[in-house]
C-alpha atoms as a PDB file:
ATOM      1  CA  UNK A   1      71.142  94.345  68.587  1.00  0.00           C
ATOM      2  CA  UNK A   2      74.558  95.775  66.854  1.00  0.00           C
ATOM      3  CA  UNK A   3      77.597  93.670  66.129  1.00  0.00           C
ATOM      4  CA  UNK A   4      79.341  96.181  68.779  1.00  0.00           C
ATOM      5  CA  UNK A   5      76.716  95.229  71.674  1.00  0.00           C
ATOM      6  CA  UNK A   6      76.844  91.141  71.028  1.00  0.00           C
ATOM      7  CA  UNK A   7      80.626  91.378  71.050  1.00  0.00           C
ATOM      8  CA  UNK A   8      80.402  93.048  74.230  1.00  0.00           C
ATOM      9  CA  UNK A   9      77.995  90.395  75.624  1.00  0.00           C
ATOM     10  CA  UNK A  10      80.361  87.755  74.510  1.00  0.00           C
ATOM     11  CA  UNK A  11      83.143  89.160  76.184  1.00  0.00           C
ATOM     12  CA  UNK A  12      81.594  89.383  79.545  1.00  0.00           C
ATOM     13  CA  UNK A  13      79.905  85.916  79.238  1.00  0.00           C
ATOM     14  CA  UNK A  14      80.683  83.276  81.728  1.00  0.00           C
ATOM     15  CA  UNK A  15      79.817  80.034  81.215  1.00  0.00           C
ATOM     16  CA  UNK A  16      77.690  78.088  83.873  1.00  0.00           C
ATOM     17  CA  UNK A  17      80.558  75.400  84.125  1.00  0.00           C
ATOM     18  CA  UNK A  18      83.027  78.324  84.544  1.00  0.00           C
ATOM     19  CA  UNK A  19      80.934  79.419  87.838  1.00  0.00           C
ATOM     20  CA  UNK A  20      80.503  76.037  88.916  1.00  0.00           C
ATOM     21  CA  UNK A  21      84.183  75.420  89.163  1.00  0.00           C
ATOM     22  CA  UNK A  22      85.010  78.769  90.913  1.00  0.00           C
ATOM     23  CA  UNK A  23      81.994  77.859  93.442  1.00  0.00           C
ATOM     24  CA  UNK A  24      83.807  74.285  93.716  1.00  0.00           C
ATOM     25  CA  UNK A  25      87.282  75.994  94.299  1.00  0.00           C
ATOM     26  CA  UNK A  26      85.766  78.510  96.935  1.00  0.00           C
ATOM     27  CA  UNK A  27      84.408  75.321  98.665  1.00  0.00           C
ATOM     28  CA  UNK A  28      87.356  73.692  98.619  1.00  0.00           C
ATOM     29  CA  UNK A  29      89.255  77.132 100.097  1.00  0.00           C
ATOM     30  CA  UNK A  30      86.347  76.941 102.662  1.00  0.00           C
ATOM     31  CA  UNK A  31      87.255  73.506 103.647  1.00  0.00           C
ATOM     32  CA  UNK A  32      91.039  74.296 103.809  1.00  0.00           C
ATOM     33  CA  UNK A  33      90.027  76.890 106.087  1.00  0.00           C
ATOM     34  CA  UNK A  34      87.836  74.514 108.253  1.00  0.00           C
ATOM     35  CA  UNK A  35      90.740  72.111 108.168  1.00  0.00           C
ATOM     36  CA  UNK A  36      93.148  74.757 109.976  1.00  0.00           C
ATOM     37  CA  UNK A  37      93.166  75.006 114.382  1.00  0.00           C
ATOM     38  CA  UNK A  38      91.087  77.529 116.056  1.00  0.00           C
ATOM     39  CA  UNK A  39      94.384  79.551 116.718  1.00  0.00           C
ATOM     40  CA  UNK A  40      95.079  79.593 113.014  1.00  0.00           C
ATOM     41  CA  UNK A  41      91.599  80.793 112.211  1.00  0.00           C
ATOM     42  CA  UNK A  42      91.835  83.585 114.501  1.00  0.00           C
ATOM     43  CA  UNK A  43      94.986  85.037 112.595  1.00  0.00           C
ATOM     44  CA  UNK A  44      93.232  84.691 109.053  1.00  0.00           C
ATOM     45  CA  UNK A  45      91.511  88.167 108.276  1.00  0.00           C
ATOM     46  CA  UNK A  46      87.600  87.114 107.616  1.00  0.00           C
ATOM     47  CA  UNK A  47      84.059  88.337 108.082  1.00  0.00           C
ATOM     48  CA  UNK A  48      82.570  87.409 111.096  1.00  0.00           C
ATOM     49  CA  UNK A  49      79.843  85.911 109.060  1.00  0.00           C
ATOM     50  CA  UNK A  50      82.274  83.475 107.943  1.00  0.00           C
ATOM     51  CA  UNK A  51      83.802  83.071 111.058  1.00  0.00           C
ATOM     52  CA  UNK A  52      80.616  81.604 112.566  1.00  0.00           C
ATOM     53  CA  UNK A  53      80.081  79.468 109.897  1.00  0.00           C
ATOM     54  CA  UNK A  54      83.279  77.787 110.445  1.00  0.00           C
ATOM     55  CA  UNK A  55      82.411  77.592 114.219  1.00  0.00           C
ATOM     56  CA  UNK A  56      78.895  75.938 112.819  1.00  0.00           C
ATOM     57  CA  UNK A  57      80.523  73.335 111.028  1.00  0.00           C
ATOM     58  CA  UNK A  58      82.547  71.890 113.754  1.00  0.00           C
ATOM     59  CA  UNK A  59      79.094  71.189 115.622  1.00  0.00           C
ATOM     60  CA  UNK A  60      77.864  69.346 112.261  1.00  0.00           C
ATOM     61  CA  UNK A  61      78.025  65.406 112.289  1.00  0.00           C
ATOM     62  CA  UNK A  62      75.883  64.380 109.222  1.00  0.00           C
ATOM     63  CA  UNK A  63      77.623  64.119 105.789  1.00  0.00           C
ATOM     64  CA  UNK A  64      74.825  65.196 104.108  1.00  0.00           C
ATOM     65  CA  UNK A  65      74.577  68.589 106.504  1.00  0.00           C
ATOM     66  CA  UNK A  66      78.023  68.845 106.472  1.00  0.00           C
ATOM     67  CA  UNK A  67      77.813  68.961 102.216  1.00  0.00           C
ATOM     68  CA  UNK A  68      75.357  71.520 102.411  1.00  0.00           C
ATOM     69  CA  UNK A  69      76.832  73.561 105.177  1.00  0.00           C
ATOM     70  CA  UNK A  70      80.216  73.653 102.344  1.00  0.00           C
ATOM     71  CA  UNK A  71      78.180  75.088 100.333  1.00  0.00           C
ATOM     72  CA  UNK A  72      76.964  77.886 102.348  1.00  0.00           C
ATOM     73  CA  UNK A  73      80.511  78.295 103.215  1.00  0.00           C
ATOM     74  CA  UNK A  74      81.314  78.630  99.581  1.00  0.00           C
ATOM     75  CA  UNK A  75      78.282  81.063  99.160  1.00  0.00           C
ATOM     76  CA  UNK A  76      79.898  83.275 101.636  1.00  0.00           C
ATOM     77  CA  UNK A  77      83.300  83.168 100.440  1.00  0.00           C
ATOM     78  CA  UNK A  78      82.157  84.981  97.123  1.00  0.00           C
ATOM     79  CA  UNK A  79      82.081  88.138  99.265  1.00  0.00           C
ATOM     80  CA  UNK A  80      85.576  87.575 100.984  1.00  0.00           C
ATOM     81  CA  UNK A  81      88.961  88.456  99.735  1.00  0.00           C
ATOM     82  CA  UNK A  82      89.412  84.863  98.997  1.00  0.00           C
ATOM     83  CA  UNK A  83      93.011  85.502  97.519  1.00  0.00           C
ATOM     84  CA  UNK A  84      93.740  86.844 100.738  1.00  0.00           C
ATOM     85  CA  UNK A  85      92.593  84.356 102.847  1.00  0.00           C
ATOM     86  CA  UNK A  86      94.348  81.813 100.536  1.00  0.00           C
ATOM     87  CA  UNK A  87      97.676  83.401 100.952  1.00  0.00           C
ATOM     88  CA  UNK A  88      97.283  83.127 104.816  1.00  0.00           C
ATOM     89  CA  UNK A  89      96.442  79.502 104.205  1.00  0.00           C
ATOM     90  CA  UNK A  90      99.492  78.754 102.483  1.00  0.00           C
ATOM     91  CA  UNK A  91     101.500  80.217 105.062  1.00  0.00           C
ATOM     92  CA  UNK A  92      99.858  77.718 107.352  1.00  0.00           C
ATOM     93  CA  UNK A  93     100.458  74.663 105.094  1.00  0.00           C
ATOM     94  CA  UNK A  94     103.917  73.088 105.949  1.00  0.00           C
ATOM     95  CA  UNK A  95     104.105  71.808 102.757  1.00  0.00           C
ATOM     96  CA  UNK A  96     103.588  74.936 101.004  1.00  0.00           C
ATOM     97  CA  UNK A  97     106.577  76.673  98.764  1.00  0.00           C
ATOM     98  CA  UNK A  98     105.494  79.986 100.900  1.00  0.00           C
ATOM     99  CA  UNK A  99     106.018  78.239 104.182  1.00  0.00           C
ATOM    100  CA  UNK A 100     108.964  76.829 103.369  1.00  0.00           C
ATOM    101  CA  UNK A 101     110.713  79.685 101.920  1.00  0.00           C
ATOM    102  CA  UNK A 102     109.911  81.740 105.037  1.00  0.00           C
ATOM    103  CA  UNK A 103     111.052  79.094 107.285  1.00  0.00           C
ATOM    104  CA  UNK A 104     114.716  78.871 105.393  1.00  0.00           C
ATOM    105  CA  UNK A 105     114.932  82.619 105.564  1.00  0.00           C
ATOM    106  CA  UNK A 106     114.497  82.527 109.271  1.00  0.00           C
ATOM    107  CA  UNK A 107     117.133  79.556 109.893  1.00  0.00           C
ATOM    108  CA  UNK A 108     119.164  81.530 107.485  1.00  0.00           C
ATOM    109  CA  UNK A 109     119.047  84.540 109.487  1.00  0.00           C
ATOM    110  CA  UNK A 110     119.508  83.048 112.769  1.00  0.00           C
ATOM    111  CA  UNK A 111     122.613  81.127 111.494  1.00  0.00           C
ATOM    112  CA  UNK A 112     123.696  84.436 110.408  1.00  0.00           C
ATOM    113  CA  UNK A 113     123.406  86.213 113.735  1.00  0.00           C
ATOM    114  CA  UNK A 114     124.939  83.245 115.515  1.00  0.00           C
ATOM    115  CA  UNK A 115     128.063  83.288 112.907  1.00  0.00           C
ATOM    116  CA  UNK A 116     131.019  85.387 112.286  1.00  0.00           C
ATOM    117  CA  UNK A 117     129.555  88.723 110.778  1.00  0.00           C
ATOM    118  CA  UNK A 118     127.011  88.332 113.405  1.00  0.00           C
ATOM    119  CA  UNK A 119     127.404  92.422 114.298  1.00  0.00           C
ATOM    120  CA  UNK A 120     126.656  93.548 110.859  1.00  0.00           C
ATOM    121  CA  UNK A 121     123.521  91.290 110.581  1.00  0.00           C
ATOM    122  CA  UNK A 122     122.176  92.141 114.372  1.00  0.00           C
ATOM    123  CA  UNK A 123     122.309  95.814 113.642  1.00  0.00           C
ATOM    124  CA  UNK A 124     120.715  95.648 109.833  1.00  0.00           C
ATOM    125  CA  UNK A 125     118.086  93.333 111.927  1.00  0.00           C
ATOM    126  CA  UNK A 126     117.939  95.671 114.823  1.00  0.00           C
ATOM    127  CA  UNK A 127     117.052  98.441 112.096  1.00  0.00           C
ATOM    128  CA  UNK A 128     114.274  96.785 110.326  1.00  0.00           C
ATOM    129  CA  UNK A 129     112.527  95.857 113.830  1.00  0.00           C
ATOM    130  CA  UNK A 130     113.235  98.543 115.901  1.00  0.00           C
ATOM    131  CA  UNK A 131     110.372  97.750 118.632  1.00  0.00           C
ATOM    132  CA  UNK A 132     112.047  94.449 119.815  1.00  0.00           C
ATOM    133  CA  UNK A 133     113.847  94.092 123.426  1.00  0.00           C
ATOM    134  CA  UNK A 134     117.166  94.225 122.241  1.00  0.00           C
ATOM    135  CA  UNK A 135     118.664  93.167 125.550  1.00  0.00           C
ATOM    136  CA  UNK A 136     116.562  89.949 125.400  1.00  0.00           C
ATOM    137  CA  UNK A 137     117.350  89.323 121.528  1.00  0.00           C
ATOM    138  CA  UNK A 138     121.450  89.662 122.291  1.00  0.00           C
ATOM    139  CA  UNK A 139     121.253  87.844 125.605  1.00  0.00           C
ATOM    140  CA  UNK A 140     119.830  84.768 123.243  1.00  0.00           C
ATOM    141  CA  UNK A 141     122.359  85.258 120.395  1.00  0.00           C
ATOM    142  CA  UNK A 142     125.258  85.005 123.185  1.00  0.00           C
ATOM    143  CA  UNK A 143     123.886  81.871 124.584  1.00  0.00           C
ATOM    144  CA  UNK A 144     123.362  80.401 121.109  1.00  0.00           C
ATOM    145  CA  UNK A 145     126.851  81.578 120.479  1.00  0.00           C
ATOM    146  CA  UNK A 146     128.402  79.846 123.342  1.00  0.00           C
ATOM    147  CA  UNK A 147     126.230  76.580 122.717  1.00  0.00           C
ATOM    148  CA  UNK A 148     127.584  76.319 119.245  1.00  0.00           C
ATOM    149  CA  UNK A 149     131.311  76.684 120.167  1.00  0.00           C
ATOM    150  CA  UNK A 150     130.984  74.420 123.238  1.00  0.00           C
ATOM    151  CA  UNK A 151     128.256  71.451 122.892  1.00  0.00           C
ATOM    152  CA  UNK A 152     125.984  70.134 120.429  1.00  0.00           C
ATOM    153  CA  UNK A 153     122.675  71.278 122.118  1.00  0.00           C
ATOM    154  CA  UNK A 154     120.378  73.275 119.963  1.00  0.00           C
ATOM    155  CA  UNK A 155     118.111  74.767 123.110  1.00  0.00           C
ATOM    156  CA  UNK A 156     119.040  78.335 122.417  1.00  0.00           C
ATOM    157  CA  UNK A 157     119.370  78.287 118.697  1.00  0.00           C
ATOM    158  CA  UNK A 158     115.312  77.010 118.984  1.00  0.00           C
ATOM    159  CA  UNK A 159     114.585  79.630 121.296  1.00  0.00           C
ATOM    160  CA  UNK A 160     116.252  82.246 118.937  1.00  0.00           C
ATOM    161  CA  UNK A 161     114.603  80.699 116.122  1.00  0.00           C
ATOM    162  CA  UNK A 162     111.168  80.649 118.115  1.00  0.00           C
ATOM    163  CA  UNK A 163     111.983  84.541 118.824  1.00  0.00           C
ATOM    164  CA  UNK A 164     112.341  85.789 114.720  1.00  0.00           C
ATOM    165  CA  UNK A 165     109.626  83.712 113.823  1.00  0.00           C
ATOM    166  CA  UNK A 166     107.139  85.183 116.605  1.00  0.00           C
ATOM    167  CA  UNK A 167     108.776  88.830 115.064  1.00  0.00           C
ATOM    168  CA  UNK A 168     108.083  87.909 111.743  1.00  0.00           C
ATOM    169  CA  UNK A 169     104.299  86.833 112.305  1.00  0.00           C
ATOM    170  CA  UNK A 170     103.809  89.998 113.842  1.00  0.00           C
ATOM    171  CA  UNK A 171     105.209  91.674 111.077  1.00  0.00           C
ATOM    172  CA  UNK A 172     103.140  89.707 108.770  1.00  0.00           C
ATOM    173  CA  UNK A 173      99.783  90.324 110.771  1.00  0.00           C
ATOM    174  CA  UNK A 174      99.561  85.896 111.653  1.00  0.00           C
ATOM    175  CA  UNK A 175     100.292  86.845 115.558  1.00  0.00           C
END
């Protein structure tokens, strides 16, 4: 074996400990997937094999059987796009920075649509999202503006936020 071949082998070498760490990380990701609701799990892009394994995990009650099944889920996760799955899970995690950032962006957008310069913001938003029901959208904005000026109610502002969130989820493929 030449020095070059040995150097190349050293660069591709992954220790047994590193492999175990990676497998444990995939199992932890599988555990987070398992912690999601059924509706949230449907929104995550994954293979049918992984989906079936998650459904099977719901039926397992024994601790040792669940541990072995989590190893199986970790093994399946090797073939999945686990970075994409982790990014989706982070959007569902209300404590994550990604979720909070998206939430605050939607709140700011809602407030801008209700506020002073609402026409320019509305036109920009409609250009970005041409396939929404414009009449319903404008009606919600008008009702929310009226609500802000008259009383402390938040019903229509919440409805507007919910609609903005649904549109955002469709754009991200979460709906």
